[in-house]
Amino acid sequence: MTARLADIAAQAGVSEATVSRVLNGKPGVAAGTRESVLAALDVLGYERPVKLRQRSAGLVGLITPELDNPIFPALAQVIGQALTRQGYTPVLATQTPGGSTEDELTEMLVDRGVSGIIFVSGLHADTTADMGRYDQLRAQGVPYVLINGFSDKVQAPFVSPDDRAAMHLAVTHLTALGHSRIGLAVGPKRFVPVLRKIEGFRLAMKERLGLDGAEAEELIQHSLYSLEGGQAAAAALIARGCTAIVCASDMMALGAIRAARQQGLRVPQDVSVVGFDDSPLIAFTDPPLTTIRQPVQAMGQAAVRTLLEEIGGTPAPHSEFVFLPELVVRGSTASGPRQRRGA
């Protein structure tokens, strides 16, 4: 016990006597000091005494499409931490192939009396889906916020990265390196983020290389948001002479690198690859991946803040909060063939 008190005191920057007062629930400790001691408990992995545990202000559901793509666990972690800090208990509900659908997960959460729901890359992002399901949820009095994918048919707040700006960043980076044959590997066309990426890609290719819509269209390949999908898309783009490929996710980018290597090409010497997300551990791939970083921290916190305002009776307007992405240059992009010949 003495050793534990000493550890907590050192972590919190207070005396052991102060730690003892906090753990025993005694008065006379400033609120800020008390929070520091409780934070030190969490950091060191000690359980909080039962009498100090905060009573949950309610359950909040988080529905994600899957957890295979590391960007979704990263978002879930940010959202879960933000909810916990505000006294709410996060409930993670994940769709799996052949498992529960978004509607079934929503019904399960509503049946359990959740205070609100955050949807990540859900059916709201699918332009072919029936948006009436969200009207029904609103009619039941359940507040919700939607991440990634805007629809003017859904009266709710949205949180998104700027997909158009992301493509401009990627194309600008690659053309500056001397690439003129740049491909885009994206998911199915029915999804809003895909349509926005295509729009941004076309505009950037016209601005930087003077390509018209038809010429740019030849450099776009639709596939699945997976390693295998990226591999298939990249193989098709390499066959069309692309020396650089922009991918709609980091997982697709890893597939693109595999496709290049299967054809005896080197990354980045022969083919440059850009990902999207800046998923955890992606800096440690071979080569470290150049990617567009989604502002996960800011987006997750904004989603929680907006939802809690709705729960508190101050509804956010039907609007979209758009966050600027960031280009992170690592080792998977290099000078294009023409640039190297000129050098």
Protein backbone atom coordinates (compact mmCIF):
# COMPACT_ATOMS: atom_id res chain seq x y z
CA MET A 1 0.00 0.00 0.00
CA THR A 2 2.82 2.42 0.93
CA ALA A 3 4.61 1.71 -2.35
CA ARG A 4 1.38 2.28 -4.26
CA LEU A 5 0.74 5.60 -2.47
CA ALA A 6 4.28 6.72 -3.30
CA ASP A 7 3.83 5.83 -6.98
CA ILE A 8 0.51 7.68 -7.24
CA ALA A 9 1.87 10.70 -5.36
CA ALA A 10 4.88 10.90 -7.67
CA GLN A 11 2.69 10.59 -10.78
CA ALA A 12 0.21 13.25 -9.58
CA GLY A 13 2.86 15.56 -8.16
CA VAL A 14 1.27 15.69 -4.69
CA SER A 15 2.04 14.32 -1.23
CA GLU A 16 1.17 10.79 -0.09
CA ALA A 17 -1.11 12.34 2.53
CA THR A 18 -3.10 14.07 -0.22
CA VAL A 19 -3.40 10.81 -2.14
CA SER A 20 -4.64 9.10 1.00
CA ARG A 21 -7.29 11.81 1.55
CA VAL A 22 -8.54 11.44 -2.03
CA LEU A 23 -8.68 7.63 -1.89
CA ASN A 24 -10.57 7.74 1.38
CA GLY A 25 -13.03 10.34 0.09
CA LYS A 26 -12.13 12.92 2.74
CA PRO A 27 -12.87 16.64 2.26
CA GLY A 28 -10.31 19.43 2.08
CA VAL A 29 -8.80 18.55 -1.32
CA ALA A 30 -9.08 20.98 -4.25
CA ALA A 31 -11.07 19.69 -7.23
CA GLY A 32 -8.07 20.03 -9.57
CA THR A 33 -5.81 18.11 -7.18
CA ARG A 34 -8.43 15.39 -6.78
CA GLU A 35 -8.65 15.03 -10.59
CA SER A 36 -4.85 14.77 -10.81
CA VAL A 37 -4.81 11.93 -8.29
CA LEU A 38 -7.62 10.07 -10.08
CA ALA A 39 -5.84 10.55 -13.42
CA ALA A 40 -2.65 9.15 -11.86
CA LEU A 41 -4.61 6.08 -10.74
CA ASP A 42 -5.80 5.54 -14.32
CA VAL A 43 -2.35 6.06 -15.84
CA LEU A 44 -0.71 3.60 -13.45
CA GLY A 45 -3.42 1.02 -14.04
CA TYR A 46 -4.86 0.99 -10.52
CA GLU A 47 -8.61 0.53 -10.03
CA ARG A 48 -10.49 3.46 -8.56
CA PRO A 49 -12.11 2.69 -5.20
CA VAL A 50 -15.79 1.87 -5.70
CA LYS A 51 -16.99 4.93 -3.78
CA LEU A 52 -14.99 7.20 -6.12
CA ARG A 53 -16.33 5.80 -9.36
CA GLN A 54 -18.53 8.22 -11.22
CA ARG A 55 -22.12 7.18 -11.70
CA SER A 56 -22.83 6.87 -15.42
CA ALA A 57 -24.78 9.76 -16.91
CA GLY A 58 -26.12 7.31 -19.48
CA LEU A 59 -25.19 4.99 -22.33
CA VAL A 60 -24.10 6.29 -25.74
CA GLY A 61 -23.95 3.92 -28.69
CA LEU A 62 -21.17 3.95 -31.27
CA ILE A 63 -21.87 2.01 -34.47
CA THR A 64 -18.92 1.26 -36.77
CA PRO A 65 -18.88 -0.76 -40.01
CA GLU A 66 -16.00 -3.03 -38.90
CA LEU A 67 -12.77 -3.03 -36.90
CA ASP A 68 -10.39 -4.58 -39.47
CA ASN A 69 -9.50 -1.14 -40.77
CA PRO A 70 -7.39 0.46 -37.98
CA ILE A 71 -8.97 3.89 -38.51
CA PHE A 72 -12.23 2.69 -36.94
CA PRO A 73 -10.69 1.48 -33.64
CA ALA A 74 -8.74 4.77 -33.55
CA LEU A 75 -11.96 6.77 -33.87
CA ALA A 76 -13.69 4.52 -31.34
CA GLN A 77 -10.91 5.13 -28.82
CA VAL A 78 -11.11 8.92 -29.15
CA ILE A 79 -14.91 8.91 -28.93
CA GLY A 80 -14.95 6.47 -26.01
CA GLN A 81 -12.45 8.51 -24.02
CA ALA A 82 -14.32 11.76 -24.69
CA LEU A 83 -17.63 10.19 -23.58
CA THR A 84 -16.09 8.70 -20.44
CA ARG A 85 -14.62 12.07 -19.45
CA GLN A 86 -18.12 13.52 -19.61
CA GLY A 87 -19.52 10.75 -17.41
CA TYR A 88 -21.16 8.70 -20.16
CA THR A 89 -20.65 4.99 -20.83
CA PRO A 90 -19.77 4.17 -24.46
CA VAL A 91 -21.26 1.05 -26.03
CA LEU A 92 -19.43 -0.15 -29.14
CA ALA A 93 -21.56 -1.95 -31.72
CA THR A 94 -19.74 -3.31 -34.78
CA GLN A 95 -21.15 -4.66 -38.01
CA THR A 96 -19.56 -7.82 -39.34
CA PRO A 97 -20.10 -9.70 -42.62
CA GLY A 98 -23.06 -12.01 -42.09
CA GLY A 99 -23.65 -10.49 -38.64
CA SER A 100 -25.89 -7.73 -37.34
CA THR A 101 -26.92 -4.93 -39.69
CA GLU A 102 -26.84 -1.24 -38.82
CA ASP A 103 -30.62 -1.27 -38.31
CA GLU A 104 -30.42 -4.27 -35.96
CA LEU A 105 -27.63 -2.67 -33.94
CA THR A 106 -29.57 0.59 -33.75
CA GLU A 107 -32.66 -1.24 -32.50
CA MET A 108 -30.57 -3.08 -29.89
CA LEU A 109 -29.10 0.19 -28.59
CA VAL A 110 -32.49 1.93 -28.51
CA ASP A 111 -33.98 -1.02 -26.60
CA ARG A 112 -31.25 -0.57 -23.99
CA GLY A 113 -32.21 3.06 -23.49
CA VAL A 114 -29.14 4.79 -24.93
CA SER A 115 -29.02 8.57 -24.56
CA GLY A 116 -27.73 8.97 -28.11
CA ILE A 117 -25.88 7.27 -30.99
CA ILE A 118 -22.83 8.12 -33.10
CA PHE A 119 -22.76 6.48 -36.54
CA VAL A 120 -19.36 6.10 -38.25
CA SER A 121 -19.35 5.54 -42.04
CA GLY A 122 -22.86 4.10 -41.88
CA LEU A 123 -25.71 3.86 -44.37
CA HIS A 124 -25.96 7.66 -44.30
CA ALA A 125 -22.86 7.64 -46.54
CA ASP A 126 -24.54 5.36 -49.13
CA THR A 127 -26.40 7.42 -51.73
CA THR A 128 -28.58 4.39 -52.61
CA ALA A 129 -29.76 3.72 -49.02
CA ASP A 130 -33.15 4.71 -47.62
CA MET A 131 -32.59 7.67 -45.28
CA GLY A 132 -36.03 7.20 -43.73
CA ARG A 133 -34.43 5.01 -41.01
CA TYR A 134 -32.85 8.14 -39.51
CA ASP A 135 -36.18 10.01 -39.51
CA GLN A 136 -37.67 7.10 -37.55
CA LEU A 137 -34.84 7.28 -35.03
CA ARG A 138 -35.39 11.02 -34.62
CA ALA A 139 -39.12 10.39 -34.11
CA GLN A 140 -38.22 8.04 -31.24
CA GLY A 141 -36.47 10.94 -29.53
CA VAL A 142 -32.93 9.52 -29.86
CA PRO A 143 -30.28 12.18 -30.71
CA TYR A 144 -27.52 11.12 -33.10
CA VAL A 145 -24.47 12.41 -34.97
CA LEU A 146 -23.08 11.00 -38.23
CA ILE A 147 -19.38 10.76 -39.16
CA ASN A 148 -18.12 10.50 -42.77
CA GLY A 149 -20.73 10.97 -45.48
CA PHE A 150 -23.22 13.85 -45.76
CA SER A 151 -26.84 13.62 -46.86
CA ASP A 152 -29.20 16.57 -47.24
CA LYS A 153 -32.05 14.12 -46.57
CA VAL A 154 -31.02 13.57 -42.93
CA GLN A 155 -31.80 16.32 -40.42
CA ALA A 156 -28.80 15.85 -38.16
CA PRO A 157 -25.26 17.16 -37.59
CA PHE A 158 -22.46 15.57 -39.65
CA VAL A 159 -18.70 15.41 -39.04
CA SER A 160 -16.40 14.79 -42.03
CA PRO A 161 -12.84 15.17 -43.28
CA ASP A 162 -12.46 17.37 -46.37
CA ASP A 163 -12.09 14.63 -49.01
CA ARG A 164 -11.73 17.11 -51.87
CA ALA A 165 -8.88 18.94 -50.13
CA ALA A 166 -7.25 15.58 -49.37
CA MET A 167 -7.06 14.71 -53.05
CA HIS A 168 -5.68 18.15 -53.87
CA LEU A 169 -2.90 17.62 -51.31
CA ALA A 170 -2.01 14.20 -52.72
CA VAL A 171 -2.03 15.23 -56.39
CA THR A 172 -0.06 18.42 -55.67
CA HIS A 173 2.57 16.39 -53.82
CA LEU A 174 2.92 13.82 -56.61
CA THR A 175 3.01 16.34 -59.48
CA ALA A 176 5.68 18.29 -57.59
CA LEU A 177 7.71 15.07 -57.63
CA GLY A 178 7.36 14.92 -61.42
CA HIS A 179 4.54 12.37 -61.79
CA SER A 180 2.10 13.00 -64.63
CA ARG A 181 0.35 9.62 -64.77
CA ILE A 182 -1.39 9.47 -61.38
CA GLY A 183 -4.09 6.91 -60.59
CA LEU A 184 -6.85 6.97 -57.96
CA ALA A 185 -7.91 3.74 -56.20
CA VAL A 186 -11.26 4.22 -54.44
CA GLY A 187 -14.22 2.28 -53.10
CA PRO A 188 -17.66 1.82 -54.71
CA LYS A 189 -19.04 4.91 -56.42
CA ARG A 190 -22.28 5.04 -54.42
CA PHE A 191 -20.57 6.34 -51.28
CA VAL A 192 -20.41 10.08 -50.57
CA PRO A 193 -16.70 10.13 -49.52
CA VAL A 194 -15.82 8.34 -52.79
CA LEU A 195 -17.75 10.86 -54.89
CA ARG A 196 -16.04 13.72 -53.08
CA LYS A 197 -12.59 12.20 -53.54
CA ILE A 198 -13.27 11.77 -57.26
CA GLU A 199 -14.40 15.38 -57.52
CA GLY A 200 -11.28 16.61 -55.73
CA PHE A 201 -9.03 14.34 -57.83
CA ARG A 202 -10.50 15.58 -61.12
CA LEU A 203 -10.16 19.23 -60.10
CA ALA A 204 -6.56 18.74 -58.98
CA MET A 205 -5.60 16.83 -62.14
CA LYS A 206 -7.09 19.60 -64.28
CA GLU A 207 -5.39 22.31 -62.25
CA ARG A 208 -1.98 20.64 -62.02
CA LEU A 209 -1.78 18.71 -65.31
CA GLY A 210 -4.48 20.21 -67.53
CA LEU A 211 -6.39 16.91 -67.87
CA ASP A 212 -10.06 17.07 -68.82
CA GLY A 213 -12.77 14.97 -67.16
CA ALA A 214 -12.54 12.06 -69.60
CA GLU A 215 -8.75 11.84 -69.29
CA ALA A 216 -8.92 11.87 -65.51
CA GLU A 217 -11.73 9.29 -65.52
CA GLU A 218 -9.41 6.75 -67.17
CA LEU A 219 -7.14 7.02 -64.13
CA ILE A 220 -9.84 6.16 -61.57
CA GLN A 221 -10.33 2.55 -60.46
CA HIS A 222 -13.15 1.45 -58.14
CA SER A 223 -12.63 -1.50 -55.82
CA LEU A 224 -13.21 -2.64 -52.22
CA TYR A 225 -11.91 -0.84 -49.11
CA SER A 226 -9.47 -3.60 -48.26
CA LEU A 227 -5.92 -4.76 -48.86
CA GLU A 228 -7.14 -7.09 -51.62
CA GLY A 229 -9.24 -4.30 -53.12
CA GLY A 230 -6.27 -1.97 -53.22
CA GLN A 231 -4.14 -4.68 -54.79
CA ALA A 232 -6.68 -5.27 -57.59
CA ALA A 233 -7.16 -1.56 -58.25
CA ALA A 234 -3.42 -0.84 -58.30
CA ALA A 235 -2.74 -3.71 -60.70
CA ALA A 236 -5.25 -2.20 -63.13
CA LEU A 237 -3.80 1.31 -62.76
CA ILE A 238 -0.20 0.13 -63.19
CA ALA A 239 -1.32 -1.63 -66.39
CA ARG A 240 -2.55 1.80 -67.60
CA GLY A 241 0.91 3.25 -67.09
CA CYS A 242 0.45 4.96 -63.71
CA THR A 243 3.69 5.77 -61.90
CA ALA A 244 1.86 7.02 -58.80
CA ILE A 245 -1.32 5.84 -57.06
CA VAL A 246 -3.49 7.68 -54.54
CA CYS A 247 -5.54 5.28 -52.41
CA ALA A 248 -8.75 5.95 -50.48
CA SER A 249 -7.49 4.12 -47.36
CA ASP A 250 -4.22 2.97 -45.88
CA MET A 251 -5.34 -0.65 -46.22
CA MET A 252 -5.83 -0.13 -49.96
CA ALA A 253 -2.39 1.51 -50.12
CA LEU A 254 -0.75 -1.57 -48.57
CA GLY A 255 -2.50 -3.63 -51.24
CA ALA A 256 -1.16 -1.26 -53.91
CA ILE A 257 2.39 -1.79 -52.65
CA ARG A 258 1.86 -5.54 -52.83
CA ALA A 259 0.56 -5.25 -56.41
CA ALA A 260 3.62 -3.26 -57.47
CA ARG A 261 6.02 -5.76 -55.93
CA GLN A 262 4.24 -8.69 -57.54
CA GLN A 263 5.04 -7.09 -60.90
CA GLY A 264 8.70 -6.69 -59.97
CA LEU A 265 8.35 -2.94 -59.34
CA ARG A 266 9.87 -1.09 -56.42
CA VAL A 267 8.07 1.37 -54.13
CA PRO A 268 8.82 4.25 -54.33
CA GLN A 269 11.55 4.01 -57.01
CA ASP A 270 9.17 2.73 -59.73
CA VAL A 271 5.73 3.43 -58.28
CA SER A 272 4.80 6.00 -55.63
CA VAL A 273 1.87 5.23 -53.31
CA VAL A 274 -0.19 7.59 -51.12
CA GLY A 275 -2.65 6.30 -48.51
CA PHE A 276 -5.53 7.91 -46.66
CA ASP A 277 -6.21 7.93 -42.88
CA ASP A 278 -2.75 7.75 -41.26
CA SER A 279 -3.88 4.68 -39.33
CA PRO A 280 -1.98 3.59 -36.20
CA LEU A 281 1.31 1.78 -37.01
CA ILE A 282 1.21 2.85 -40.68
CA ALA A 283 4.45 4.78 -40.14
CA PHE A 284 6.19 1.44 -39.53
CA THR A 285 5.31 -0.34 -42.78
CA ASP A 286 7.93 -1.11 -45.44
CA PRO A 287 8.33 1.50 -46.76
CA PRO A 288 6.74 3.89 -44.23
CA LEU A 289 3.56 5.10 -45.93
CA THR A 290 3.04 8.62 -47.22
CA THR A 291 -0.59 9.30 -46.41
CA ILE A 292 -3.34 11.86 -45.84
CA ARG A 293 -3.97 12.11 -42.11
CA GLN A 294 -7.61 12.23 -41.04
CA PRO A 295 -7.97 14.58 -38.05
CA VAL A 296 -9.33 11.73 -35.92
CA GLN A 297 -8.86 13.45 -32.56
CA ALA A 298 -10.64 16.65 -33.61
CA MET A 299 -13.42 14.80 -35.46
CA GLY A 300 -14.12 12.39 -32.59
CA GLN A 301 -14.21 15.13 -30.00
CA ALA A 302 -16.47 17.29 -32.19
CA ALA A 303 -18.89 14.38 -32.66
CA VAL A 304 -19.11 13.81 -28.89
CA ARG A 305 -19.46 17.51 -28.10
CA THR A 306 -22.24 17.91 -30.69
CA LEU A 307 -24.09 14.81 -29.48
CA LEU A 308 -23.95 15.86 -25.83
CA GLU A 309 -25.35 19.26 -26.78
CA GLU A 310 -28.24 17.46 -28.46
CA ILE A 311 -28.74 15.25 -25.41
CA GLY A 312 -28.68 18.38 -23.24
CA GLY A 313 -31.53 19.91 -25.22
CA THR A 314 -29.54 22.22 -27.52
CA PRO A 315 -29.88 20.61 -30.95
CA ALA A 316 -27.15 21.32 -33.47
CA PRO A 317 -28.34 22.63 -36.84
CA HIS A 318 -28.56 20.35 -39.86
CA SER A 319 -25.03 21.11 -40.93
CA GLU A 320 -21.68 19.51 -41.66
CA PHE A 321 -18.54 20.18 -39.66
CA VAL A 322 -15.68 19.68 -42.14
CA PHE A 323 -12.12 19.12 -40.88
CA LEU A 324 -9.01 19.73 -42.96
CA PRO A 325 -6.73 16.71 -43.46
CA GLU A 326 -2.93 16.84 -43.49
CA LEU A 327 -0.35 15.36 -45.86
CA VAL A 328 2.23 13.22 -44.03
CA VAL A 329 5.22 12.54 -46.29
CA ARG A 330 7.19 9.38 -45.54
CA GLY A 331 8.98 6.80 -47.66
CA SER A 332 6.43 5.50 -50.19
CA THR A 333 6.66 8.49 -52.57
CA ALA A 334 9.63 9.65 -54.64
CA SER A 335 10.50 11.47 -57.86
CA GLY A 336 8.70 10.33 -60.99
CA PRO A 337 10.54 8.65 -63.89
CA ARG A 338 10.62 11.80 -66.01
CA GLN A 339 11.98 13.86 -63.13
CA ARG A 340 14.75 11.30 -62.51
CA ARG A 341 15.70 11.26 -66.21
CA GLY A 342 15.92 15.06 -66.18
CA ALA A 343 18.16 14.95 -63.13
